[in-house]
Amino acid sequence: MKETTGNIWDHLGKAIICITTNGHLMKNGEAVLGRGCARQAREHFPDLPLRLGGLLSEGGNHVHAIGDSLVSFPVEESPWATPDLRLIRRSAGELRALADREGWTRIIVPRPGCGGGGLAWQDVRPLLADILDDRFTVITAP
């Protein structure tokens, strides 16, 4: 796993971009993409809440390839929950397995649960280090 500082959206079209998500669906079937990189992704792709909502409805709160080189990375069950370290570790494993199946060679991951979620990177990093190999770059905003 590599680490860098920068704007995650500078990698759009050059790598797979993970967006940290939750598993909550609104009554209209849309996923809640309320803050952080999920909110930014919604601004880039206005139909993203509906696309991710369909995947969550069918497959649950798991890592999903959403299209447009975007992948969900669940960190919490709802937008009101605290990020869950066990869910973050499970998501890392699911992301690695998906990257293996799809043959992805460059995946950008924000620090899961560490922005608006409030977790400390020193607590999250060890959960990812033995799962995410050098294809994965964890990015933090400057």
N, C-alpha and C. Protein backbone atom coordinates (compact mmCIF):
# COMPACT_ATOMS: atom_id res chain seq x y z
N MET A 1 0.85 -1.17 0.00
CA MET A 1 0.00 0.00 0.00
C MET A 1 0.90 1.24 0.00
N LYS A 2 0.60 2.11 -0.94
CA LYS A 2 1.33 3.37 -1.01
C LYS A 2 0.48 4.45 -0.35
N GLU A 3 1.11 5.56 -0.02
CA GLU A 3 0.39 6.70 0.54
C GLU A 3 0.85 7.95 -0.17
N THR A 4 -0.11 8.89 -0.35
CA THR A 4 0.20 10.15 -1.00
C THR A 4 -0.74 11.23 -0.48
N THR A 5 -0.44 12.45 -0.85
CA THR A 5 -1.28 13.59 -0.56
C THR A 5 -1.71 14.19 -1.88
N GLY A 6 -2.97 14.61 -1.98
CA GLY A 6 -3.43 15.24 -3.21
C GLY A 6 -4.94 15.23 -3.32
N ASN A 7 -5.41 15.57 -4.49
CA ASN A 7 -6.84 15.61 -4.79
C ASN A 7 -7.22 14.29 -5.45
N ILE A 8 -8.11 13.56 -4.84
CA ILE A 8 -8.52 12.25 -5.37
C ILE A 8 -9.06 12.35 -6.80
N TRP A 9 -9.70 13.48 -7.12
CA TRP A 9 -10.33 13.63 -8.44
C TRP A 9 -9.33 13.90 -9.55
N ASP A 10 -8.08 14.21 -9.20
CA ASP A 10 -7.03 14.33 -10.22
C ASP A 10 -6.74 12.97 -10.85
N HIS A 11 -7.19 11.89 -10.22
CA HIS A 11 -6.93 10.53 -10.71
C HIS A 11 -8.09 9.96 -11.53
N LEU A 12 -9.16 10.73 -11.66
CA LEU A 12 -10.32 10.29 -12.42
C LEU A 12 -9.92 10.02 -13.86
N GLY A 13 -10.26 8.85 -14.36
CA GLY A 13 -9.90 8.46 -15.72
C GLY A 13 -8.54 7.80 -15.82
N LYS A 14 -7.77 7.83 -14.73
CA LYS A 14 -6.42 7.25 -14.73
C LYS A 14 -6.32 6.05 -13.79
N ALA A 15 -7.31 5.90 -12.91
CA ALA A 15 -7.28 4.84 -11.90
C ALA A 15 -8.71 4.57 -11.45
N ILE A 16 -8.88 3.48 -10.73
CA ILE A 16 -10.14 3.21 -10.05
C ILE A 16 -10.16 4.09 -8.80
N ILE A 17 -11.27 4.76 -8.56
CA ILE A 17 -11.39 5.63 -7.40
C ILE A 17 -12.42 5.04 -6.44
N CYS A 18 -12.00 4.85 -5.20
CA CYS A 18 -12.91 4.38 -4.15
C CYS A 18 -13.55 5.58 -3.47
N ILE A 19 -14.81 5.44 -3.19
CA ILE A 19 -15.50 6.45 -2.40
C ILE A 19 -16.03 5.77 -1.14
N THR A 20 -15.77 6.39 -0.01
CA THR A 20 -16.23 5.83 1.25
C THR A 20 -17.73 6.07 1.37
N THR A 21 -18.43 5.03 1.77
CA THR A 21 -19.90 5.06 1.74
C THR A 21 -20.49 4.44 3.01
N ASN A 22 -21.81 4.51 3.07
CA ASN A 22 -22.57 3.83 4.11
C ASN A 22 -23.65 3.01 3.41
N GLY A 23 -24.41 2.25 4.16
CA GLY A 23 -25.39 1.36 3.55
C GLY A 23 -26.82 1.85 3.61
N HIS A 24 -27.01 3.11 3.94
CA HIS A 24 -28.37 3.63 4.12
C HIS A 24 -29.02 3.99 2.78
N LEU A 25 -30.28 3.64 2.63
CA LEU A 25 -31.06 4.00 1.45
C LEU A 25 -32.19 4.94 1.86
N MET A 26 -32.41 5.96 1.05
CA MET A 26 -33.55 6.83 1.26
C MET A 26 -34.81 6.15 0.71
N LYS A 27 -35.97 6.68 1.03
CA LYS A 27 -37.23 6.07 0.58
C LYS A 27 -37.32 5.96 -0.93
N ASN A 28 -36.67 6.86 -1.65
CA ASN A 28 -36.70 6.82 -3.11
C ASN A 28 -35.69 5.85 -3.70
N GLY A 29 -34.98 5.10 -2.83
CA GLY A 29 -34.03 4.10 -3.30
C GLY A 29 -32.62 4.62 -3.54
N GLU A 30 -32.39 5.89 -3.29
CA GLU A 30 -31.07 6.46 -3.50
C GLU A 30 -30.18 6.25 -2.27
N ALA A 31 -28.90 6.05 -2.53
CA ALA A 31 -27.91 5.97 -1.46
C ALA A 31 -27.68 7.38 -0.93
N VAL A 32 -27.33 7.46 0.35
CA VAL A 32 -27.00 8.74 0.96
C VAL A 32 -25.51 8.98 0.78
N LEU A 33 -25.18 10.02 0.04
CA LEU A 33 -23.78 10.40 -0.21
C LEU A 33 -23.60 11.82 0.31
N GLY A 34 -23.54 11.95 1.62
CA GLY A 34 -23.69 13.25 2.25
C GLY A 34 -22.46 14.05 2.53
N ARG A 35 -21.29 13.42 2.64
CA ARG A 35 -20.11 14.19 3.00
C ARG A 35 -18.86 13.57 2.41
N GLY A 36 -17.79 14.32 2.50
CA GLY A 36 -16.48 13.84 2.05
C GLY A 36 -16.43 13.52 0.56
N CYS A 37 -15.67 12.48 0.23
CA CYS A 37 -15.49 12.13 -1.18
C CYS A 37 -16.78 11.58 -1.78
N ALA A 38 -17.68 11.04 -0.96
CA ALA A 38 -18.97 10.57 -1.47
C ALA A 38 -19.80 11.75 -1.98
N ARG A 39 -19.82 12.84 -1.22
CA ARG A 39 -20.53 14.04 -1.65
C ARG A 39 -19.90 14.60 -2.93
N GLN A 40 -18.58 14.63 -2.97
CA GLN A 40 -17.88 15.11 -4.17
C GLN A 40 -18.21 14.23 -5.37
N ALA A 41 -18.26 12.92 -5.16
CA ALA A 41 -18.60 12.00 -6.25
C ALA A 41 -20.01 12.28 -6.76
N ARG A 42 -20.93 12.54 -5.85
CA ARG A 42 -22.31 12.87 -6.23
C ARG A 42 -22.35 14.13 -7.09
N GLU A 43 -21.50 15.09 -6.77
CA GLU A 43 -21.43 16.32 -7.57
C GLU A 43 -20.89 16.05 -8.98
N HIS A 44 -19.93 15.14 -9.09
CA HIS A 44 -19.37 14.77 -10.40
C HIS A 44 -20.34 13.91 -11.21
N PHE A 45 -21.09 13.05 -10.51
CA PHE A 45 -21.98 12.09 -11.16
C PHE A 45 -23.36 12.16 -10.50
N PRO A 46 -24.23 13.04 -10.97
CA PRO A 46 -25.53 13.25 -10.31
C PRO A 46 -26.41 12.00 -10.21
N ASP A 47 -26.22 11.02 -11.09
CA ASP A 47 -27.02 9.79 -11.00
C ASP A 47 -26.41 8.75 -10.06
N LEU A 48 -25.30 9.07 -9.44
CA LEU A 48 -24.61 8.13 -8.57
C LEU A 48 -25.46 7.65 -7.39
N PRO A 49 -26.22 8.50 -6.70
CA PRO A 49 -27.03 7.99 -5.59
C PRO A 49 -28.01 6.89 -6.02
N LEU A 50 -28.60 7.03 -7.19
CA LEU A 50 -29.54 6.02 -7.67
C LEU A 50 -28.81 4.73 -8.08
N ARG A 51 -27.68 4.88 -8.77
CA ARG A 51 -26.90 3.69 -9.17
C ARG A 51 -26.42 2.91 -7.95
N LEU A 52 -25.83 3.61 -6.99
CA LEU A 52 -25.34 2.93 -5.79
C LEU A 52 -26.50 2.39 -4.97
N GLY A 53 -27.59 3.13 -4.93
CA GLY A 53 -28.77 2.66 -4.20
C GLY A 53 -29.26 1.32 -4.72
N GLY A 54 -29.27 1.14 -6.03
CA GLY A 54 -29.67 -0.13 -6.62
C GLY A 54 -28.73 -1.26 -6.23
N LEU A 55 -27.44 -0.97 -6.22
CA LEU A 55 -26.45 -1.99 -5.84
C LEU A 55 -26.59 -2.36 -4.36
N LEU A 56 -26.82 -1.35 -3.51
CA LEU A 56 -27.00 -1.62 -2.08
C LEU A 56 -28.27 -2.42 -1.84
N SER A 57 -29.32 -2.08 -2.58
CA SER A 57 -30.59 -2.79 -2.43
C SER A 57 -30.45 -4.26 -2.81
N GLU A 58 -29.72 -4.52 -3.87
CA GLU A 58 -29.54 -5.90 -4.35
C GLU A 58 -28.48 -6.67 -3.58
N GLY A 59 -27.37 -6.01 -3.25
CA GLY A 59 -26.22 -6.74 -2.72
C GLY A 59 -25.82 -6.40 -1.30
N GLY A 60 -26.49 -5.45 -0.68
CA GLY A 60 -26.15 -5.07 0.69
C GLY A 60 -24.98 -4.10 0.76
N ASN A 61 -24.59 -3.80 1.98
CA ASN A 61 -23.55 -2.80 2.25
C ASN A 61 -22.17 -3.43 2.10
N HIS A 62 -21.78 -3.59 0.83
CA HIS A 62 -20.51 -4.21 0.47
C HIS A 62 -19.81 -3.35 -0.58
N VAL A 63 -18.60 -3.72 -0.91
CA VAL A 63 -17.87 -3.05 -1.99
C VAL A 63 -18.57 -3.37 -3.30
N HIS A 64 -18.85 -2.33 -4.08
CA HIS A 64 -19.51 -2.50 -5.38
C HIS A 64 -18.79 -1.67 -6.44
N ALA A 65 -18.59 -2.24 -7.61
CA ALA A 65 -18.15 -1.47 -8.77
C ALA A 65 -19.38 -0.72 -9.27
N ILE A 66 -19.32 0.60 -9.25
CA ILE A 66 -20.49 1.44 -9.54
C ILE A 66 -20.54 1.87 -11.00
N GLY A 67 -19.42 1.81 -11.68
CA GLY A 67 -19.32 2.34 -13.03
C GLY A 67 -18.52 3.64 -13.00
N ASP A 68 -18.12 4.12 -14.16
CA ASP A 68 -17.30 5.34 -14.27
C ASP A 68 -16.01 5.23 -13.46
N SER A 69 -15.47 4.01 -13.34
CA SER A 69 -14.25 3.73 -12.58
C SER A 69 -14.37 4.07 -11.10
N LEU A 70 -15.59 4.01 -10.57
CA LEU A 70 -15.83 4.26 -9.15
C LEU A 70 -16.19 2.96 -8.44
N VAL A 71 -15.75 2.85 -7.20
CA VAL A 71 -16.04 1.69 -6.37
C VAL A 71 -16.45 2.20 -5.00
N SER A 72 -17.50 1.61 -4.45
CA SER A 72 -17.90 1.97 -3.08
C SER A 72 -17.01 1.24 -2.08
N PHE A 73 -16.78 1.89 -0.95
CA PHE A 73 -15.98 1.32 0.13
C PHE A 73 -16.72 1.62 1.43
N PRO A 74 -17.59 0.70 1.86
CA PRO A 74 -18.37 0.95 3.07
C PRO A 74 -17.50 1.11 4.32
N VAL A 75 -17.80 2.17 5.08
CA VAL A 75 -17.11 2.40 6.34
C VAL A 75 -18.07 2.44 7.53
N GLU A 76 -19.37 2.58 7.24
CA GLU A 76 -20.38 2.66 8.30
C GLU A 76 -21.71 2.16 7.76
N GLU A 77 -22.61 1.81 8.66
CA GLU A 77 -23.92 1.29 8.25
C GLU A 77 -24.88 2.40 7.84
N SER A 78 -24.79 3.56 8.48
CA SER A 78 -25.68 4.68 8.15
C SER A 78 -24.89 5.97 8.24
N PRO A 79 -25.42 7.05 7.66
CA PRO A 79 -24.69 8.32 7.72
C PRO A 79 -24.60 8.89 9.14
N TRP A 80 -25.37 8.33 10.06
CA TRP A 80 -25.36 8.82 11.44
C TRP A 80 -24.53 7.95 12.35
N ALA A 81 -24.00 6.86 11.82
CA ALA A 81 -23.20 5.92 12.63
C ALA A 81 -21.73 6.35 12.64
N THR A 82 -21.03 5.87 13.63
CA THR A 82 -19.59 6.03 13.68
C THR A 82 -18.96 5.00 12.75
N PRO A 83 -17.91 5.37 12.01
CA PRO A 83 -17.25 4.37 11.18
C PRO A 83 -16.85 3.15 12.01
N ASP A 84 -16.98 1.99 11.40
CA ASP A 84 -16.78 0.70 12.08
C ASP A 84 -15.48 0.08 11.58
N LEU A 85 -14.52 -0.11 12.47
CA LEU A 85 -13.22 -0.66 12.08
C LEU A 85 -13.34 -2.05 11.47
N ARG A 86 -14.27 -2.86 11.96
CA ARG A 86 -14.45 -4.20 11.38
C ARG A 86 -14.99 -4.10 9.96
N LEU A 87 -15.91 -3.15 9.72
CA LEU A 87 -16.45 -2.96 8.38
C LEU A 87 -15.37 -2.43 7.44
N ILE A 88 -14.54 -1.55 7.93
CA ILE A 88 -13.44 -1.02 7.10
C ILE A 88 -12.50 -2.15 6.70
N ARG A 89 -12.17 -3.03 7.62
CA ARG A 89 -11.28 -4.16 7.29
C ARG A 89 -11.95 -5.10 6.30
N ARG A 90 -13.24 -5.39 6.51
CA ARG A 90 -13.96 -6.25 5.56
C ARG A 90 -13.99 -5.61 4.18
N SER A 91 -14.23 -4.31 4.13
CA SER A 91 -14.27 -3.60 2.84
C SER A 91 -12.92 -3.67 2.14
N ALA A 92 -11.85 -3.55 2.89
CA ALA A 92 -10.51 -3.65 2.29
C ALA A 92 -10.32 -5.03 1.64
N GLY A 93 -10.74 -6.07 2.33
CA GLY A 93 -10.64 -7.42 1.77
C GLY A 93 -11.49 -7.59 0.53
N GLU A 94 -12.70 -7.05 0.56
CA GLU A 94 -13.58 -7.14 -0.61
C GLU A 94 -13.01 -6.34 -1.77
N LEU A 95 -12.43 -5.18 -1.49
CA LEU A 95 -11.83 -4.36 -2.54
C LEU A 95 -10.65 -5.09 -3.17
N ARG A 96 -9.82 -5.70 -2.35
CA ARG A 96 -8.67 -6.45 -2.88
C ARG A 96 -9.15 -7.60 -3.78
N ALA A 97 -10.16 -8.33 -3.32
CA ALA A 97 -10.69 -9.45 -4.12
C ALA A 97 -11.27 -8.95 -5.44
N LEU A 98 -11.98 -7.83 -5.43
CA LEU A 98 -12.55 -7.26 -6.65
C LEU A 98 -11.45 -6.81 -7.59
N ALA A 99 -10.42 -6.18 -7.06
CA ALA A 99 -9.28 -5.75 -7.89
C ALA A 99 -8.59 -6.95 -8.53
N ASP A 100 -8.46 -8.04 -7.77
CA ASP A 100 -7.86 -9.26 -8.32
C ASP A 100 -8.70 -9.81 -9.47
N ARG A 101 -10.03 -9.89 -9.25
CA ARG A 101 -10.93 -10.43 -10.29
C ARG A 101 -10.94 -9.57 -11.55
N GLU A 102 -10.93 -8.25 -11.36
CA GLU A 102 -11.04 -7.32 -12.49
C GLU A 102 -9.69 -6.99 -13.14
N GLY A 103 -8.61 -7.37 -12.50
CA GLY A 103 -7.28 -7.07 -13.04
C GLY A 103 -6.88 -5.61 -12.92
N TRP A 104 -7.42 -4.92 -11.95
CA TRP A 104 -7.08 -3.50 -11.76
C TRP A 104 -5.65 -3.38 -11.25
N THR A 105 -4.95 -2.38 -11.77
CA THR A 105 -3.56 -2.18 -11.38
C THR A 105 -3.33 -0.89 -10.62
N ARG A 106 -4.31 0.00 -10.61
CA ARG A 106 -4.14 1.28 -9.91
C ARG A 106 -5.46 1.67 -9.27
N ILE A 107 -5.50 1.68 -7.93
CA ILE A 107 -6.71 1.98 -7.19
C ILE A 107 -6.38 3.05 -6.16
N ILE A 108 -7.18 4.12 -6.15
CA ILE A 108 -6.99 5.23 -5.22
C ILE A 108 -8.05 5.13 -4.13
N VAL A 109 -7.60 5.16 -2.88
CA VAL A 109 -8.49 4.98 -1.73
C VAL A 109 -8.30 6.16 -0.78
N PRO A 110 -9.38 6.86 -0.41
CA PRO A 110 -9.22 7.87 0.64
C PRO A 110 -8.97 7.18 1.97
N ARG A 111 -8.49 7.90 2.95
CA ARG A 111 -8.30 7.31 4.29
C ARG A 111 -9.68 6.97 4.85
N PRO A 112 -10.06 5.68 4.83
CA PRO A 112 -11.43 5.32 5.19
C PRO A 112 -11.78 5.63 6.65
N GLY A 113 -12.87 6.39 6.81
CA GLY A 113 -13.36 6.73 8.13
C GLY A 113 -12.62 7.86 8.82
N CYS A 114 -11.60 8.40 8.16
CA CYS A 114 -10.73 9.38 8.82
C CYS A 114 -11.08 10.84 8.54
N GLY A 115 -11.85 11.12 7.52
CA GLY A 115 -12.23 12.51 7.26
C GLY A 115 -13.38 12.92 8.16
N GLY A 116 -14.57 12.98 7.57
CA GLY A 116 -15.76 13.33 8.34
C GLY A 116 -16.11 12.29 9.39
N GLY A 117 -15.60 11.07 9.23
CA GLY A 117 -15.90 10.00 10.18
C GLY A 117 -15.19 10.14 11.51
N GLY A 118 -14.07 10.88 11.52
CA GLY A 118 -13.40 11.18 12.76
C GLY A 118 -12.40 10.17 13.28
N LEU A 119 -12.17 9.07 12.56
CA LEU A 119 -11.18 8.10 13.02
C LEU A 119 -9.77 8.62 12.81
N ALA A 120 -8.84 8.14 13.59
CA ALA A 120 -7.43 8.50 13.45
C ALA A 120 -6.75 7.54 12.48
N TRP A 121 -5.96 8.08 11.57
CA TRP A 121 -5.28 7.27 10.57
C TRP A 121 -4.39 6.21 11.23
N GLN A 122 -3.75 6.54 12.34
CA GLN A 122 -2.89 5.56 13.00
C GLN A 122 -3.68 4.35 13.51
N ASP A 123 -5.00 4.49 13.69
CA ASP A 123 -5.84 3.35 14.09
C ASP A 123 -6.34 2.56 12.88
N VAL A 124 -6.49 3.23 11.74
CA VAL A 124 -7.04 2.59 10.54
C VAL A 124 -5.94 1.95 9.70
N ARG A 125 -4.80 2.60 9.59
CA ARG A 125 -3.72 2.14 8.71
C ARG A 125 -3.35 0.67 8.94
N PRO A 126 -3.18 0.21 10.20
CA PRO A 126 -2.81 -1.19 10.40
C PRO A 126 -3.85 -2.20 9.90
N LEU A 127 -5.11 -1.77 9.81
CA LEU A 127 -6.17 -2.66 9.31
C LEU A 127 -6.05 -2.90 7.82
N LEU A 128 -5.42 -1.97 7.12
CA LEU A 128 -5.32 -2.03 5.66
C LEU A 128 -3.97 -2.56 5.18
N ALA A 129 -2.93 -2.33 5.96
CA ALA A 129 -1.55 -2.56 5.51
C ALA A 129 -1.29 -3.99 5.03
N ASP A 130 -1.89 -4.99 5.66
CA ASP A 130 -1.62 -6.37 5.25
C ASP A 130 -2.57 -6.86 4.16
N ILE A 131 -3.52 -6.02 3.76
CA ILE A 131 -4.50 -6.41 2.74
C ILE A 131 -4.22 -5.70 1.41
N LEU A 132 -3.98 -4.40 1.47
CA LEU A 132 -3.82 -3.61 0.25
C LEU A 132 -2.36 -3.60 -0.18
N ASP A 133 -2.10 -4.10 -1.38
CA ASP A 133 -0.73 -4.16 -1.90
C ASP A 133 -0.38 -2.88 -2.65
N ASP A 134 0.69 -2.92 -3.42
CA ASP A 134 1.19 -1.72 -4.09
C ASP A 134 0.31 -1.21 -5.23
N ARG A 135 -0.75 -1.94 -5.58
CA ARG A 135 -1.71 -1.41 -6.56
C ARG A 135 -2.56 -0.31 -5.94
N PHE A 136 -2.61 -0.27 -4.63
CA PHE A 136 -3.49 0.63 -3.89
C PHE A 136 -2.71 1.82 -3.35
N THR A 137 -3.23 3.02 -3.61
CA THR A 137 -2.64 4.24 -3.06
C THR A 137 -3.68 4.91 -2.18
N VAL A 138 -3.34 5.08 -0.92
CA VAL A 138 -4.22 5.78 0.01
C VAL A 138 -3.87 7.25 -0.06
N ILE A 139 -4.87 8.07 -0.32
CA ILE A 139 -4.66 9.50 -0.54
C ILE A 139 -5.31 10.30 0.57
N THR A 140 -4.67 11.37 0.93
CA THR A 140 -5.24 12.32 1.88
C THR A 140 -5.16 13.71 1.28
N ALA A 141 -6.15 14.51 1.54
CA ALA A 141 -6.18 15.88 1.02
C ALA A 141 -5.07 16.70 1.68
N PRO A 142 -4.49 17.62 0.92
CA PRO A 142 -3.40 18.44 1.50
C PRO A 142 -3.92 19.36 2.60
